[in-house]
Protein backbone atom coordinates (compact mmCIF):
# COMPACT_ATOMS: atom_id res chain seq x y z
CA UNK A 1 6.19 -1.66 0.69
CA UNK A 2 5.77 -4.99 -1.02
CA UNK A 3 7.80 -8.14 -1.58
CA UNK A 4 5.67 -9.43 -4.35
CA UNK A 5 6.76 -8.08 -7.76
CA UNK A 6 3.74 -9.73 -9.39
CA UNK A 7 1.37 -7.46 -7.59
CA UNK A 8 2.65 -4.37 -9.39
CA UNK A 9 0.75 -3.03 -12.37
CA UNK A 10 3.73 -0.80 -13.26
CA UNK A 11 7.19 -0.33 -11.76
CA UNK A 12 10.14 1.89 -12.30
CA UNK A 13 13.38 0.20 -11.38
CA UNK A 14 15.76 1.88 -8.99
CA UNK A 15 19.44 1.48 -8.24
CA UNK A 16 21.72 2.36 -5.40
CA UNK A 17 18.85 3.07 -2.94
CA UNK A 18 18.53 1.18 0.32
CA UNK A 19 15.93 1.08 3.13
CA UNK A 20 17.06 0.49 6.70
CA UNK A 21 15.02 -2.02 8.77
CA UNK A 22 14.27 -1.70 12.48
CA UNK A 23 17.26 -3.79 13.20
CA UNK A 24 19.55 -1.49 11.35
CA UNK A 25 20.08 -3.65 8.20
CA UNK A 26 20.16 -2.15 4.88
CA UNK A 27 18.18 -3.86 2.18
CA UNK A 28 17.99 -2.79 -1.45
CA UNK A 29 15.06 -0.93 -2.99
CA UNK A 30 14.42 -2.66 -6.27
CA UNK A 31 11.81 -0.08 -7.68
CA UNK A 32 8.74 2.04 -7.13
CA UNK A 33 5.43 1.40 -8.73
CA UNK A 34 1.66 1.06 -8.45
CA UNK A 35 -0.41 -1.86 -7.14
CA UNK A 36 -3.93 -2.29 -8.42
CA UNK A 37 -6.19 -4.87 -6.88
CA UNK A 38 -9.87 -4.88 -7.72
CA UNK A 39 -11.15 -1.56 -6.23
CA UNK A 40 -7.89 -0.59 -4.59
CA UNK A 41 -5.13 1.46 -6.12
CA UNK A 42 -1.81 2.13 -4.23
CA UNK A 43 0.64 4.42 -6.07
CA UNK A 44 4.24 4.83 -5.01
CA UNK A 45 4.82 1.49 -3.44
CA UNK A 46 8.36 0.30 -2.86
CA UNK A 47 9.39 -3.13 -4.18
CA UNK A 48 11.67 -4.67 -1.66
CA UNK A 49 12.33 -8.36 -2.23
CA UNK A 50 13.84 -9.14 1.08
CA UNK A 51 10.82 -8.14 3.11
CA UNK A 52 8.87 -10.78 5.03
CA UNK A 53 5.55 -8.97 4.93
CA UNK A 54 3.85 -6.33 2.79
CA UNK A 55 3.53 -3.04 4.52
CA UNK A 56 1.22 -0.19 3.90
CA UNK A 57 0.68 2.87 6.12
CA UNK A 58 -2.67 4.59 6.99
CA UNK A 59 -1.67 7.85 5.22
CA UNK A 60 -0.90 5.99 2.02
CA UNK A 61 -4.28 4.20 2.13
CA UNK A 62 -6.18 7.46 2.73
CA UNK A 63 -4.15 9.50 0.21
CA UNK A 64 -4.99 6.99 -2.39
CA UNK A 65 -8.65 8.08 -2.39
CA UNK A 66 -9.96 5.39 -0.02
CA UNK A 67 -12.30 5.23 2.98
CA UNK A 68 -10.58 3.74 6.00
CA UNK A 69 -12.60 2.75 9.08
CA UNK A 70 -10.97 0.95 12.01
CA UNK A 71 -13.07 -0.59 14.83
CA UNK A 72 -11.63 -2.73 17.69
CA UNK A 73 -12.12 -5.99 15.77
CA UNK A 74 -12.66 -4.79 12.10
CA UNK A 75 -10.59 -2.93 9.59
CA UNK A 76 -12.43 -1.60 6.55
CA UNK A 77 -10.87 -0.30 3.49
CA UNK A 78 -12.95 0.75 0.45
CA UNK A 79 -12.37 2.78 -2.59
CA UNK A 80 -14.33 6.02 -2.47
CA UNK A 81 -15.68 5.48 -5.88
CA UNK A 82 -17.47 2.32 -4.88
CA UNK A 83 -19.60 3.85 -2.05
CA UNK A 84 -21.16 7.21 -1.38
CA UNK A 85 -20.60 9.29 1.68
CA UNK A 86 -24.32 9.04 2.46
CA UNK A 87 -24.08 5.21 2.64
CA UNK A 88 -21.52 5.64 5.71
CA UNK A 89 -24.06 7.47 7.61
CA UNK A 90 -26.77 4.75 7.40
CA UNK A 91 -27.32 2.71 10.52
């Protein structure tokens, strides 16, 4: 989910769809689109202007053809097209 409409490469506007927050507040879904940043593409991202933060979930990142590595103090996200599997195995 994103609050930044300028981040979207494409978007399909939506009407009459709402998302419920953890507090139980309904906020309107403006549309669904794709965000493309350098080597990262995220399809099916919701545009919700009333969000305070952008939200992505791990499944969405992995399903979008990315490598995701999480260490205790490091979060690494990389498009699979930019690195080979053999590179991950190097010390």
